[in-house]
Full PDB file with SEQRES, HELIX, SHEET, SSBOND, CRYST1, ORIGX, SCALE, CONECT and MASTER records, all heavy atoms in Angstrom:
SEQRES   1 A   34  ALA ALA ALA ALA ALA ALA ARG ALA HIS ALA GLY VAL LYS          
SEQRES   2 A   34  THR ARG LEU VAL GLY VAL VAL SER ALA HIS ALA THR ALA          
SEQRES   3 A   34  TYR LEU ASP SER TRP ARG ALA GLY                              
HELIX    1 AA1 ALA A    2  ALA A   10  1                                   9    
HELIX    2 AA2 ALA A   26  ALA A   33  1                                   8    
CRYST1    1.000    1.000    1.000  90.00  90.00  90.00 P 1           1          
ORIGX1      1.000000  0.000000  0.000000        0.00000                         
ORIGX2      0.000000  1.000000  0.000000        0.00000                         
ORIGX3      0.000000  0.000000  1.000000        0.00000                         
SCALE1      1.000000  0.000000  0.000000        0.00000                         
SCALE2      0.000000  1.000000  0.000000        0.00000                         
SCALE3      0.000000  0.000000  1.000000        0.00000                         
ATOM      1  N   ALA A   1      52.216 123.607 -42.647  1.00  0.00           N  
ATOM      2  CA  ALA A   1      53.260 124.619 -42.446  1.00  0.00           C  
ATOM      3  C   ALA A   1      54.170 124.706 -43.660  1.00  0.00           C  
ATOM      4  O   ALA A   1      54.609 125.798 -44.060  1.00  0.00           O  
ATOM      5  CB  ALA A   1      54.074 124.288 -41.192  1.00  0.00           C  
ATOM      6  N   ALA A   2      54.456 123.560 -44.268  1.00  0.00           N  
ATOM      7  CA  ALA A   2      55.300 123.533 -45.462  1.00  0.00           C  
ATOM      8  C   ALA A   2      54.612 124.224 -46.634  1.00  0.00           C  
ATOM      9  O   ALA A   2      55.249 124.946 -47.408  1.00  0.00           O  
ATOM     10  CB  ALA A   2      55.640 122.098 -45.818  1.00  0.00           C  
ATOM     11  N   ALA A   3      53.302 124.003 -46.780  1.00  0.00           N  
ATOM     12  CA  ALA A   3      52.563 124.656 -47.860  1.00  0.00           C  
ATOM     13  C   ALA A   3      52.581 126.169 -47.685  1.00  0.00           C  
ATOM     14  O   ALA A   3      52.732 126.922 -48.657  1.00  0.00           O  
ATOM     15  CB  ALA A   3      51.124 124.143 -47.894  1.00  0.00           C  
ATOM     16  N   ALA A   4      52.444 126.636 -46.447  1.00  0.00           N  
ATOM     17  CA  ALA A   4      52.493 128.076 -46.181  1.00  0.00           C  
ATOM     18  C   ALA A   4      53.870 128.646 -46.509  1.00  0.00           C  
ATOM     19  O   ALA A   4      53.987 129.730 -47.088  1.00  0.00           O  
ATOM     20  CB  ALA A   4      52.130 128.345 -44.727  1.00  0.00           C  
ATOM     21  N   ALA A   5      54.920 127.915 -46.142  1.00  0.00           N  
ATOM     22  CA  ALA A   5      56.282 128.371 -46.437  1.00  0.00           C  
ATOM     23  C   ALA A   5      56.525 128.409 -47.939  1.00  0.00           C  
ATOM     24  O   ALA A   5      57.151 129.339 -48.461  1.00  0.00           O  
ATOM     25  CB  ALA A   5      57.299 127.460 -45.756  1.00  0.00           C  
ATOM     26  N   ALA A   6      56.036 127.396 -48.646  1.00  0.00           N  
ATOM     27  CA  ALA A   6      56.214 127.348 -50.101  1.00  0.00           C  
ATOM     28  C   ALA A   6      55.434 128.462 -50.787  1.00  0.00           C  
ATOM     29  O   ALA A   6      55.909 129.054 -51.765  1.00  0.00           O  
ATOM     30  CB  ALA A   6      55.764 125.987 -50.623  1.00  0.00           C  
ATOM     31  N   ARG A   7      54.245 128.762 -50.283  1.00  0.00           N  
ATOM     32  CA  ARG A   7      53.456 129.857 -50.853  1.00  0.00           C  
ATOM     33  C   ARG A   7      54.201 131.173 -50.720  1.00  0.00           C  
ATOM     34  O   ARG A   7      54.266 131.971 -51.681  1.00  0.00           O  
ATOM     35  CB  ARG A   7      52.097 129.945 -50.159  1.00  0.00           C  
ATOM     36  CG  ARG A   7      51.245 131.088 -50.650  1.00  0.00           C  
ATOM     37  CD  ARG A   7      49.861 131.096 -50.029  1.00  0.00           C  
ATOM     38  NE  ARG A   7      49.886 131.353 -48.587  1.00  0.00           N  
ATOM     39  CZ  ARG A   7      48.782 131.506 -47.846  1.00  0.00           C  
ATOM     40  NH1 ARG A   7      47.591 131.402 -48.406  1.00  0.00           N  
ATOM     41  NH2 ARG A   7      48.881 131.739 -46.547  1.00  0.00           N  
ATOM     42  N   ALA A   8      54.789 131.411 -49.557  1.00  0.00           N  
ATOM     43  CA  ALA A   8      55.554 132.643 -49.351  1.00  0.00           C  
ATOM     44  C   ALA A   8      56.775 132.667 -50.266  1.00  0.00           C  
ATOM     45  O   ALA A   8      57.103 133.710 -50.866  1.00  0.00           O  
ATOM     46  CB  ALA A   8      55.985 132.747 -47.893  1.00  0.00           C  
ATOM     47  N   HIS A   9      57.441 131.532 -50.404  1.00  0.00           N  
ATOM     48  CA  HIS A   9      58.633 131.458 -51.260  1.00  0.00           C  
ATOM     49  C   HIS A   9      58.278 131.731 -52.723  1.00  0.00           C  
ATOM     50  O   HIS A   9      59.000 132.456 -53.415  1.00  0.00           O  
ATOM     51  CB  HIS A   9      59.269 130.070 -51.130  1.00  0.00           C  
ATOM     52  CG  HIS A   9      60.402 129.830 -52.063  1.00  0.00           C  
ATOM     53  ND1 HIS A   9      61.676 130.315 -51.840  1.00  0.00           N  
ATOM     54  CD2 HIS A   9      60.464 129.154 -53.248  1.00  0.00           C  
ATOM     55  CE1 HIS A   9      62.468 129.960 -52.834  1.00  0.00           C  
ATOM     56  NE2 HIS A   9      61.758 129.260 -53.701  1.00  0.00           N  
ATOM     57  N   ALA A  10      57.151 131.153 -53.180  1.00  0.00           N  
ATOM     58  CA  ALA A  10      56.755 131.297 -54.579  1.00  0.00           C  
ATOM     59  C   ALA A  10      56.079 132.631 -54.865  1.00  0.00           C  
ATOM     60  O   ALA A  10      55.958 133.033 -56.026  1.00  0.00           O  
ATOM     61  CB  ALA A  10      55.820 130.143 -54.966  1.00  0.00           C  
ATOM     62  N   GLY A  11      55.627 133.316 -53.821  1.00  0.00           N  
ATOM     63  CA  GLY A  11      54.975 134.604 -54.003  1.00  0.00           C  
ATOM     64  C   GLY A  11      53.614 134.514 -54.659  1.00  0.00           C  
ATOM     65  O   GLY A  11      53.192 135.428 -55.375  1.00  0.00           O  
ATOM     66  N   VAL A  12      52.880 133.411 -54.411  1.00  0.00           N  
ATOM     67  CA  VAL A  12      51.544 133.254 -54.986  1.00  0.00           C  
ATOM     68  C   VAL A  12      50.479 133.603 -53.953  1.00  0.00           C  
ATOM     69  O   VAL A  12      50.753 133.681 -52.761  1.00  0.00           O  
ATOM     70  CB  VAL A  12      51.336 131.818 -55.509  1.00  0.00           C  
ATOM     71  CG1 VAL A  12      52.324 131.498 -56.607  1.00  0.00           C  
ATOM     72  CG2 VAL A  12      51.447 130.797 -54.374  1.00  0.00           C  
ATOM     73  N   LYS A  13      49.256 133.810 -54.442  1.00  0.00           N  
ATOM     74  CA  LYS A  13      48.147 134.210 -53.571  1.00  0.00           C  
ATOM     75  C   LYS A  13      47.176 133.073 -53.296  1.00  0.00           C  
ATOM     76  O   LYS A  13      46.068 133.291 -52.784  1.00  0.00           O  
ATOM     77  CB  LYS A  13      47.386 135.379 -54.220  1.00  0.00           C  
ATOM     78  CG  LYS A  13      48.258 136.590 -54.542  1.00  0.00           C  
ATOM     79  CD  LYS A  13      48.881 137.176 -53.288  1.00  0.00           C  
ATOM     80  CE  LYS A  13      49.683 138.432 -53.604  1.00  0.00           C  
ATOM     81  NZ  LYS A  13      50.370 138.961 -52.403  1.00  0.00           N  
ATOM     82  N   THR A  14      47.564 131.861 -53.601  1.00  0.00           N  
ATOM     83  CA  THR A  14      46.706 130.702 -53.401  1.00  0.00           C  
ATOM     84  C   THR A  14      46.231 130.605 -51.949  1.00  0.00           C  
ATOM     85  O   THR A  14      47.031 130.705 -51.020  1.00  0.00           O  
ATOM     86  CB  THR A  14      47.465 129.414 -53.771  1.00  0.00           C  
ATOM     87  OG1 THR A  14      47.857 129.477 -55.143  1.00  0.00           O  
ATOM     88  CG2 THR A  14      46.613 128.174 -53.529  1.00  0.00           C  
ATOM     89  N   ARG A  15      44.942 130.418 -51.767  1.00  0.00           N  
ATOM     90  CA  ARG A  15      44.403 130.233 -50.431  1.00  0.00           C  
ATOM     91  C   ARG A  15      44.745 128.823 -49.942  1.00  0.00           C  
ATOM     92  O   ARG A  15      44.758 127.871 -50.734  1.00  0.00           O  
ATOM     93  CB  ARG A  15      42.885 130.420 -50.439  1.00  0.00           C  
ATOM     94  CG  ARG A  15      42.443 131.827 -50.832  1.00  0.00           C  
ATOM     95  CD  ARG A  15      40.927 131.909 -50.876  1.00  0.00           C  
ATOM     96  NE  ARG A  15      40.469 133.232 -51.271  1.00  0.00           N  
ATOM     97  CZ  ARG A  15      39.189 133.582 -51.373  1.00  0.00           C  
ATOM     98  NH1 ARG A  15      38.234 132.700 -51.089  1.00  0.00           N  
ATOM     99  NH2 ARG A  15      38.860 134.801 -51.741  1.00  0.00           N  
ATOM    100  N   LEU A  16      44.970 128.693 -48.662  1.00  0.00           N  
ATOM    101  CA  LEU A  16      45.285 127.400 -48.070  1.00  0.00           C  
ATOM    102  C   LEU A  16      44.145 126.962 -47.154  1.00  0.00           C  
ATOM    103  O   LEU A  16      43.749 127.702 -46.256  1.00  0.00           O  
ATOM    104  CB  LEU A  16      46.586 127.471 -47.270  1.00  0.00           C  
ATOM    105  CG  LEU A  16      47.850 127.850 -48.046  1.00  0.00           C  
ATOM    106  CD1 LEU A  16      49.051 127.887 -47.098  1.00  0.00           C  
ATOM    107  CD2 LEU A  16      48.109 126.875 -49.193  1.00  0.00           C  
ATOM    108  N   VAL A  17      43.641 125.772 -47.416  1.00  0.00           N  
ATOM    109  CA  VAL A  17      42.582 125.198 -46.586  1.00  0.00           C  
ATOM    110  C   VAL A  17      43.127 123.937 -45.920  1.00  0.00           C  
ATOM    111  O   VAL A  17      43.530 122.987 -46.599  1.00  0.00           O  
ATOM    112  CB  VAL A  17      41.333 124.864 -47.419  1.00  0.00           C  
ATOM    113  CG1 VAL A  17      40.294 124.127 -46.558  1.00  0.00           C  
ATOM    114  CG2 VAL A  17      40.727 126.139 -47.989  1.00  0.00           C  
ATOM    115  N   GLY A  18      43.167 123.937 -44.591  1.00  0.00           N  
ATOM    116  CA  GLY A  18      43.591 122.765 -43.846  1.00  0.00           C  
ATOM    117  C   GLY A  18      42.442 121.782 -43.711  1.00  0.00           C  
ATOM    118  O   GLY A  18      41.281 122.179 -43.594  1.00  0.00           O  
ATOM    119  N   VAL A  19      42.786 120.498 -43.731  1.00  0.00           N  
ATOM    120  CA  VAL A  19      41.766 119.453 -43.674  1.00  0.00           C  
ATOM    121  C   VAL A  19      42.072 118.504 -42.523  1.00  0.00           C  
ATOM    122  O   VAL A  19      43.169 117.938 -42.451  1.00  0.00           O  
ATOM    123  CB  VAL A  19      41.713 118.658 -44.992  1.00  0.00           C  
ATOM    124  CG1 VAL A  19      40.573 117.641 -44.951  1.00  0.00           C  
ATOM    125  CG2 VAL A  19      41.568 119.593 -46.190  1.00  0.00           C  
ATOM    126  N   VAL A  20      41.119 118.341 -41.625  1.00  0.00           N  
ATOM    127  CA  VAL A  20      41.260 117.393 -40.515  1.00  0.00           C  
ATOM    128  C   VAL A  20      40.207 116.306 -40.652  1.00  0.00           C  
ATOM    129  O   VAL A  20      39.239 116.447 -41.402  1.00  0.00           O  
ATOM    130  CB  VAL A  20      41.119 118.085 -39.140  1.00  0.00           C  
ATOM    131  CG1 VAL A  20      42.096 119.236 -39.005  1.00  0.00           C  
ATOM    132  CG2 VAL A  20      39.685 118.562 -38.909  1.00  0.00           C  
ATOM    133  N   SER A  21      40.403 115.225 -39.913  1.00  0.00           N  
ATOM    134  CA  SER A  21      39.367 114.199 -39.828  1.00  0.00           C  
ATOM    135  C   SER A  21      38.266 114.673 -38.886  1.00  0.00           C  
ATOM    136  O   SER A  21      38.543 115.250 -37.827  1.00  0.00           O  
ATOM    137  CB  SER A  21      39.966 112.892 -39.305  1.00  0.00           C  
ATOM    138  OG  SER A  21      38.930 111.968 -38.994  1.00  0.00           O  
ATOM    139  N   ALA A  22      37.031 114.420 -39.262  1.00  0.00           N  
ATOM    140  CA  ALA A  22      35.899 114.743 -38.385  1.00  0.00           C  
ATOM    141  C   ALA A  22      35.921 113.890 -37.125  1.00  0.00           C  
ATOM    142  O   ALA A  22      35.186 114.168 -36.172  1.00  0.00           O  
ATOM    143  CB  ALA A  22      34.586 114.532 -39.130  1.00  0.00           C  
ATOM    144  N   HIS A  23      36.787 112.871 -37.109  1.00  0.00           N  
ATOM    145  CA  HIS A  23      36.917 111.984 -35.961  1.00  0.00           C  
ATOM    146  C   HIS A  23      38.232 112.224 -35.214  1.00  0.00           C  
ATOM    147  O   HIS A  23      38.653 111.395 -34.407  1.00  0.00           O  
ATOM    148  CB  HIS A  23      36.826 110.534 -36.425  1.00  0.00           C  
ATOM    149  CG  HIS A  23      35.762 110.316 -37.467  1.00  0.00           C  
ATOM    150  ND1 HIS A  23      34.414 110.366 -37.167  1.00  0.00           N  
ATOM    151  CD2 HIS A  23      35.845 110.100 -38.803  1.00  0.00           C  
ATOM    152  CE1 HIS A  23      33.717 110.171 -38.282  1.00  0.00           C  
ATOM    153  NE2 HIS A  23      34.563 110.013 -39.279  1.00  0.00           N  
ATOM    154  N   ALA A  24      38.859 113.367 -35.495  1.00  0.00           N  
ATOM    155  CA  ALA A  24      40.096 113.780 -34.813  1.00  0.00           C  
ATOM    156  C   ALA A  24      40.231 115.287 -35.028  1.00  0.00           C  
ATOM    157  O   ALA A  24      40.992 115.750 -35.872  1.00  0.00           O  
ATOM    158  CB  ALA A  24      41.309 113.038 -35.374  1.00  0.00           C  
ATOM    159  N   THR A  25      39.475 116.053 -34.263  1.00  0.00           N  
ATOM    160  CA  THR A  25      39.269 117.473 -34.582  1.00  0.00           C  
ATOM    161  C   THR A  25      40.129 118.440 -33.765  1.00  0.00           C  
ATOM    162  O   THR A  25      39.809 119.626 -33.672  1.00  0.00           O  
ATOM    163  CB  THR A  25      37.788 117.844 -34.372  1.00  0.00           C  
ATOM    164  OG1 THR A  25      37.428 117.560 -33.006  1.00  0.00           O  
ATOM    165  CG2 THR A  25      36.891 117.062 -35.313  1.00  0.00           C  
ATOM    166  N   ALA A  26      41.236 117.970 -33.200  1.00  0.00           N  
ATOM    167  CA  ALA A  26      42.030 118.834 -32.317  1.00  0.00           C  
ATOM    168  C   ALA A  26      42.458 120.131 -33.005  1.00  0.00           C  
ATOM    169  O   ALA A  26      42.346 121.220 -32.421  1.00  0.00           O  
ATOM    170  CB  ALA A  26      43.261 118.073 -31.812  1.00  0.00           C  
ATOM    171  N   TYR A  27      42.932 120.039 -34.244  1.00  0.00           N  
ATOM    172  CA  TYR A  27      43.406 121.249 -34.917  1.00  0.00           C  
ATOM    173  C   TYR A  27      42.259 122.164 -35.328  1.00  0.00           C  
ATOM    174  O   TYR A  27      42.378 123.393 -35.240  1.00  0.00           O  
ATOM    175  CB  TYR A  27      44.268 120.886 -36.135  1.00  0.00           C  
ATOM    176  CG  TYR A  27      45.720 120.686 -35.775  1.00  0.00           C  
ATOM    177  CD1 TYR A  27      46.229 119.424 -35.505  1.00  0.00           C  
ATOM    178  CD2 TYR A  27      46.589 121.772 -35.677  1.00  0.00           C  
ATOM    179  CE1 TYR A  27      47.558 119.244 -35.155  1.00  0.00           C  
ATOM    180  CE2 TYR A  27      47.923 121.608 -35.332  1.00  0.00           C  
ATOM    181  CZ  TYR A  27      48.402 120.342 -35.072  1.00  0.00           C  
ATOM    182  OH  TYR A  27      49.723 120.168 -34.713  1.00  0.00           O  
ATOM    183  N   LEU A  28      41.148 121.608 -35.749  1.00  0.00           N  
ATOM    184  CA  LEU A  28      39.993 122.438 -36.079  1.00  0.00           C  
ATOM    185  C   LEU A  28      39.466 123.131 -34.830  1.00  0.00           C  
ATOM    186  O   LEU A  28      39.214 124.352 -34.842  1.00  0.00           O  
ATOM    187  CB  LEU A  28      38.896 121.574 -36.710  1.00  0.00           C  
ATOM    188  CG  LEU A  28      37.558 122.268 -36.978  1.00  0.00           C  
ATOM    189  CD1 LEU A  28      37.724 123.458 -37.895  1.00  0.00           C  
ATOM    190  CD2 LEU A  28      36.549 121.265 -37.545  1.00  0.00           C  
ATOM    191  N   ASP A  29      39.311 122.387 -33.747  1.00  0.00           N  
ATOM    192  CA  ASP A  29      38.815 122.968 -32.498  1.00  0.00           C  
ATOM    193  C   ASP A  29      39.769 124.050 -31.986  1.00  0.00           C  
ATOM    194  O   ASP A  29      39.332 125.106 -31.502  1.00  0.00           O  
ATOM    195  CB  ASP A  29      38.656 121.883 -31.434  1.00  0.00           C  
ATOM    196  CG  ASP A  29      37.636 120.822 -31.808  1.00  0.00           C  
ATOM    197  OD1 ASP A  29      36.818 121.085 -32.717  1.00  0.00           O  
ATOM    198  OD2 ASP A  29      37.663 119.735 -31.199  1.00  0.00           O  
ATOM    199  N   SER A  30      41.060 123.795 -32.103  1.00  0.00           N  
ATOM    200  CA  SER A  30      42.061 124.754 -31.634  1.00  0.00           C  
ATOM    201  C   SER A  30      42.079 125.993 -32.509  1.00  0.00           C  
ATOM    202  O   SER A  30      42.226 127.124 -32.018  1.00  0.00           O  
ATOM    203  CB  SER A  30      43.446 124.087 -31.626  1.00  0.00           C  
ATOM    204  OG  SER A  30      43.469 122.948 -30.783  1.00  0.00           O  
ATOM    205  N   TRP A  31      41.951 125.805 -33.818  1.00  0.00           N  
ATOM    206  CA  TRP A  31      41.920 126.936 -34.757  1.00  0.00           C  
ATOM    207  C   TRP A  31      40.727 127.842 -34.444  1.00  0.00           C  
ATOM    208  O   TRP A  31      40.845 129.064 -34.446  1.00  0.00           O  
ATOM    209  CB  TRP A  31      41.839 126.385 -36.181  1.00  0.00           C  
ATOM    210  CG  TRP A  31      41.851 127.410 -37.273  1.00  0.00           C  
ATOM    211  CD1 TRP A  31      42.904 128.165 -37.689  1.00  0.00           C  
ATOM    212  CD2 TRP A  31      40.739 127.768 -38.110  1.00  0.00           C  
ATOM    213  NE1 TRP A  31      42.518 128.975 -38.740  1.00  0.00           N  
ATOM    214  CE2 TRP A  31      41.208 128.747 -39.017  1.00  0.00           C  
ATOM    215  CE3 TRP A  31      39.418 127.351 -38.193  1.00  0.00           C  
ATOM    216  CZ2 TRP A  31      40.385 129.307 -39.991  1.00  0.00           C  
ATOM    217  CZ3 TRP A  31      38.594 127.914 -39.163  1.00  0.00           C  
ATOM    218  CH2 TRP A  31      39.082 128.889 -40.043  1.00  0.00           C  
ATOM    219  N   ARG A  32      39.595 127.241 -34.149  1.00  0.00           N  
ATOM    220  CA  ARG A  32      38.408 128.028 -33.827  1.00  0.00           C  
ATOM    221  C   ARG A  32      38.514 128.703 -32.463  1.00  0.00           C  
ATOM    222  O   ARG A  32      38.096 129.844 -32.292  1.00  0.00           O  
ATOM    223  CB  ARG A  32      37.170 127.117 -33.848  1.00  0.00           C  
ATOM    224  CG  ARG A  32      36.737 126.687 -35.242  1.00  0.00           C  
ATOM    225  CD  ARG A  32      35.615 125.665 -35.176  1.00  0.00           C  
ATOM    226  NE  ARG A  32      35.057 125.379 -36.497  1.00  0.00           N  
ATOM    227  CZ  ARG A  32      34.234 124.361 -36.756  1.00  0.00           C  
ATOM    228  NH1 ARG A  32      33.857 123.544 -35.769  1.00  0.00           N  
ATOM    229  NH2 ARG A  32      33.774 124.167 -37.977  1.00  0.00           N  
ATOM    230  N   ALA A  33      39.107 128.000 -31.502  1.00  0.00           N  
ATOM    231  CA  ALA A  33      39.188 128.526 -30.139  1.00  0.00           C  
ATOM    232  C   ALA A  33      40.287 129.564 -29.975  1.00  0.00           C  
ATOM    233  O   ALA A  33      40.233 130.396 -29.063  1.00  0.00           O  
ATOM    234  CB  ALA A  33      39.422 127.371 -29.157  1.00  0.00           C  
ATOM    235  N   GLY A  34      41.300 129.505 -30.841  1.00  0.00           N  
ATOM    236  CA  GLY A  34      42.424 130.426 -30.717  1.00  0.00           C  
ATOM    237  C   GLY A  34      43.490 129.957 -29.762  1.00  0.00           C  
ATOM    238  O   GLY A  34      44.429 130.678 -29.453  1.00  0.00           O  
TER     239      GLY A  34                                                      
MASTER        0    0    0    2    0    0    0    6  238    1    0    3          
END                                                                             
């Protein structure tokens, strides 16, 4: 969330890729499920 806020503040177009552990996939599963 901080990286997204900083990107907006800086006005850059850098893509953001979130990284989770393959052994703790709650955020990946939630991102895919909506």
